[in-house]
Amino acid sequence: MARKGVTQYRLLKDGAVDNKTLDSLKKDKNITVLTLERLCAYLDCTPNDVIRFTERKTDAAPSPPPVETDGL
């Protein structure tokens, strides 16, 4: 957004996102594909310019494989 000269206020004012969505973005929460599409259209960019995938580390042990019951 900085490279495009777009502020959070401008996103809200122009209707690119609503206040709840902007709050989610600021808190690094998940967004919908529709929101991503709107942001990309507004900023004239691709999803690769906006997001990046990172691996989340969890403390929980992996789930065991499902148990087959043979129809019982």
N, C-alpha and C. Protein backbone atom coordinates (compact mmCIF):
# COMPACT_ATOMS: atom_id res chain seq x y z
N MET A 1 0.82 -1.18 0.00
CA MET A 1 0.00 0.00 0.00
C MET A 1 0.86 1.25 0.00
N ALA A 2 1.96 1.19 0.71
CA ALA A 2 2.84 2.35 0.77
C ALA A 2 3.39 2.69 -0.62
N ARG A 3 3.75 1.65 -1.39
CA ARG A 3 4.28 1.90 -2.74
C ARG A 3 3.23 2.55 -3.64
N LYS A 4 1.96 2.26 -3.38
CA LYS A 4 0.88 2.83 -4.18
C LYS A 4 0.36 4.15 -3.61
N GLY A 5 0.87 4.54 -2.45
CA GLY A 5 0.43 5.78 -1.82
C GLY A 5 -0.98 5.68 -1.26
N VAL A 6 -1.38 4.49 -0.83
CA VAL A 6 -2.73 4.27 -0.31
C VAL A 6 -2.66 4.11 1.20
N THR A 7 -3.49 4.86 1.90
CA THR A 7 -3.55 4.78 3.36
C THR A 7 -4.74 3.91 3.77
N GLN A 8 -4.75 3.53 5.03
CA GLN A 8 -5.88 2.78 5.57
C GLN A 8 -7.15 3.61 5.47
N TYR A 9 -7.04 4.89 5.74
CA TYR A 9 -8.20 5.79 5.65
C TYR A 9 -8.77 5.79 4.23
N ARG A 10 -7.88 5.83 3.26
CA ARG A 10 -8.34 5.85 1.87
C ARG A 10 -9.05 4.55 1.48
N LEU A 11 -8.54 3.41 1.98
CA LEU A 11 -9.21 2.14 1.73
C LEU A 11 -10.65 2.18 2.25
N LEU A 12 -10.81 2.72 3.46
CA LEU A 12 -12.15 2.83 4.04
C LEU A 12 -13.02 3.83 3.29
N LYS A 13 -12.47 5.00 3.02
CA LYS A 13 -13.23 6.07 2.38
C LYS A 13 -13.70 5.67 0.98
N ASP A 14 -12.84 4.99 0.23
CA ASP A 14 -13.18 4.59 -1.14
C ASP A 14 -14.02 3.31 -1.18
N GLY A 15 -14.25 2.69 -0.01
CA GLY A 15 -15.08 1.49 0.05
C GLY A 15 -14.40 0.22 -0.40
N ALA A 16 -13.07 0.23 -0.47
CA ALA A 16 -12.35 -0.98 -0.87
C ALA A 16 -12.51 -2.07 0.19
N VAL A 17 -12.56 -1.69 1.45
CA VAL A 17 -12.80 -2.60 2.57
C VAL A 17 -13.66 -1.89 3.61
N ASP A 18 -14.28 -2.67 4.48
CA ASP A 18 -15.02 -2.06 5.58
C ASP A 18 -14.15 -2.04 6.83
N ASN A 19 -14.66 -1.41 7.87
CA ASN A 19 -13.88 -1.23 9.10
C ASN A 19 -13.51 -2.57 9.74
N LYS A 20 -14.44 -3.52 9.74
CA LYS A 20 -14.18 -4.84 10.33
C LYS A 20 -13.06 -5.56 9.57
N THR A 21 -13.10 -5.50 8.26
CA THR A 21 -12.07 -6.15 7.44
C THR A 21 -10.72 -5.50 7.66
N LEU A 22 -10.69 -4.18 7.72
CA LEU A 22 -9.43 -3.49 7.97
C LEU A 22 -8.86 -3.88 9.32
N ASP A 23 -9.73 -4.01 10.32
CA ASP A 23 -9.28 -4.43 11.65
C ASP A 23 -8.68 -5.84 11.58
N SER A 24 -9.31 -6.73 10.83
CA SER A 24 -8.79 -8.09 10.67
C SER A 24 -7.41 -8.07 10.00
N LEU A 25 -7.26 -7.23 8.99
CA LEU A 25 -5.97 -7.12 8.31
C LEU A 25 -4.88 -6.63 9.26
N LYS A 26 -5.21 -5.65 10.08
CA LYS A 26 -4.23 -5.10 11.01
C LYS A 26 -3.82 -6.11 12.07
N LYS A 27 -4.73 -7.03 12.40
CA LYS A 27 -4.46 -8.03 13.43
C LYS A 27 -3.97 -9.34 12.85
N ASP A 28 -3.60 -9.34 11.56
CA ASP A 28 -3.09 -10.54 10.89
C ASP A 28 -4.06 -11.71 10.97
N LYS A 29 -5.35 -11.42 10.89
CA LYS A 29 -6.35 -12.48 10.87
C LYS A 29 -6.63 -12.88 9.43
N ASN A 30 -7.34 -13.98 9.26
CA ASN A 30 -7.68 -14.46 7.92
C ASN A 30 -8.65 -13.51 7.23
N ILE A 31 -8.54 -13.45 5.92
CA ILE A 31 -9.49 -12.69 5.11
C ILE A 31 -10.06 -13.61 4.04
N THR A 32 -11.16 -13.21 3.45
CA THR A 32 -11.78 -14.03 2.42
C THR A 32 -11.09 -13.79 1.08
N VAL A 33 -11.34 -14.71 0.15
CA VAL A 33 -10.81 -14.55 -1.20
C VAL A 33 -11.44 -13.33 -1.86
N LEU A 34 -12.70 -13.06 -1.54
CA LEU A 34 -13.37 -11.87 -2.08
C LEU A 34 -12.67 -10.60 -1.63
N THR A 35 -12.27 -10.55 -0.36
CA THR A 35 -11.54 -9.38 0.13
C THR A 35 -10.20 -9.24 -0.58
N LEU A 36 -9.51 -10.35 -0.76
CA LEU A 36 -8.24 -10.33 -1.47
C LEU A 36 -8.44 -9.83 -2.89
N GLU A 37 -9.50 -10.30 -3.54
CA GLU A 37 -9.80 -9.85 -4.90
C GLU A 37 -10.07 -8.34 -4.94
N ARG A 38 -10.83 -7.85 -3.97
CA ARG A 38 -11.12 -6.41 -3.91
C ARG A 38 -9.85 -5.58 -3.70
N LEU A 39 -9.01 -6.04 -2.80
CA LEU A 39 -7.75 -5.32 -2.55
C LEU A 39 -6.87 -5.30 -3.79
N CYS A 40 -6.77 -6.43 -4.45
CA CYS A 40 -5.94 -6.50 -5.66
C CYS A 40 -6.50 -5.61 -6.76
N ALA A 41 -7.80 -5.60 -6.93
CA ALA A 41 -8.41 -4.74 -7.94
C ALA A 41 -8.18 -3.27 -7.60
N TYR A 42 -8.34 -2.93 -6.34
CA TYR A 42 -8.16 -1.55 -5.90
C TYR A 42 -6.71 -1.09 -6.06
N LEU A 43 -5.78 -1.98 -5.69
CA LEU A 43 -4.35 -1.63 -5.73
C LEU A 43 -3.70 -1.94 -7.08
N ASP A 44 -4.47 -2.54 -8.00
CA ASP A 44 -3.95 -2.92 -9.31
C ASP A 44 -2.71 -3.80 -9.17
N CYS A 45 -2.91 -4.93 -8.49
CA CYS A 45 -1.80 -5.85 -8.24
C CYS A 45 -2.33 -7.28 -8.28
N THR A 46 -1.47 -8.24 -8.00
CA THR A 46 -1.86 -9.64 -7.94
C THR A 46 -1.82 -10.12 -6.49
N PRO A 47 -2.46 -11.25 -6.19
CA PRO A 47 -2.41 -11.78 -4.83
C PRO A 47 -0.97 -11.99 -4.32
N ASN A 48 -0.07 -12.37 -5.20
CA ASN A 48 1.33 -12.56 -4.78
C ASN A 48 1.97 -11.27 -4.28
N ASP A 49 1.44 -10.13 -4.69
CA ASP A 49 1.95 -8.85 -4.22
C ASP A 49 1.43 -8.52 -2.82
N VAL A 50 0.34 -9.17 -2.43
CA VAL A 50 -0.35 -8.81 -1.20
C VAL A 50 -0.12 -9.79 -0.06
N ILE A 51 -0.06 -11.08 -0.39
CA ILE A 51 0.03 -12.09 0.67
C ILE A 51 1.29 -12.93 0.53
N ARG A 52 1.60 -13.62 1.60
CA ARG A 52 2.66 -14.61 1.57
C ARG A 52 2.24 -15.74 2.49
N PHE A 53 2.64 -16.93 2.16
CA PHE A 53 2.30 -18.09 2.97
C PHE A 53 3.46 -18.40 3.89
N THR A 54 3.14 -18.62 5.16
CA THR A 54 4.14 -18.99 6.14
C THR A 54 3.67 -20.23 6.87
N GLU A 55 4.60 -21.04 7.26
CA GLU A 55 4.26 -22.26 7.99
C GLU A 55 4.00 -21.91 9.44
N ARG A 56 2.89 -22.41 9.94
CA ARG A 56 2.58 -22.20 11.36
C ARG A 56 3.11 -23.37 12.15
N LYS A 57 3.75 -23.06 13.24
CA LYS A 57 4.24 -24.10 14.13
C LYS A 57 3.22 -24.30 15.24
N THR A 58 2.90 -25.56 15.51
CA THR A 58 1.95 -25.86 16.57
C THR A 58 2.64 -26.70 17.63
N ASP A 59 2.17 -26.56 18.84
CA ASP A 59 2.72 -27.33 19.95
C ASP A 59 2.05 -28.69 20.08
N ALA A 60 0.89 -28.83 19.47
CA ALA A 60 0.13 -30.07 19.60
C ALA A 60 0.77 -31.18 18.76
N ALA A 61 0.61 -32.38 19.25
CA ALA A 61 1.11 -33.54 18.51
C ALA A 61 0.20 -33.78 17.32
N PRO A 62 0.73 -34.34 16.25
CA PRO A 62 -0.12 -34.62 15.09
C PRO A 62 -1.20 -35.64 15.44
N SER A 63 -2.35 -35.53 14.78
CA SER A 63 -3.45 -36.47 15.01
C SER A 63 -3.08 -37.85 14.51
N PRO A 64 -3.55 -38.88 15.23
CA PRO A 64 -3.27 -40.25 14.75
C PRO A 64 -4.10 -40.52 13.50
N PRO A 65 -3.68 -41.48 12.69
CA PRO A 65 -4.44 -41.80 11.48
C PRO A 65 -5.81 -42.35 11.86
N PRO A 66 -6.80 -42.19 10.98
CA PRO A 66 -8.13 -42.71 11.29
C PRO A 66 -8.12 -44.22 11.39
N VAL A 67 -9.01 -44.76 12.21
CA VAL A 67 -9.11 -46.20 12.40
C VAL A 67 -10.18 -46.73 11.46
N GLU A 68 -9.85 -47.76 10.70
CA GLU A 68 -10.83 -48.38 9.80
C GLU A 68 -11.63 -49.41 10.57
N THR A 69 -12.96 -49.39 10.32
CA THR A 69 -13.84 -50.28 11.08
C THR A 69 -14.37 -51.45 10.26
N ASP A 70 -14.05 -51.52 8.99
CA ASP A 70 -14.53 -52.59 8.12
C ASP A 70 -16.04 -52.70 8.14
N GLY A 71 -16.74 -51.58 8.23
CA GLY A 71 -18.19 -51.57 8.17
C GLY A 71 -18.88 -51.98 9.45
N LEU A 72 -18.18 -52.06 10.57
CA LEU A 72 -18.81 -52.44 11.84
C LEU A 72 -19.51 -51.29 12.46
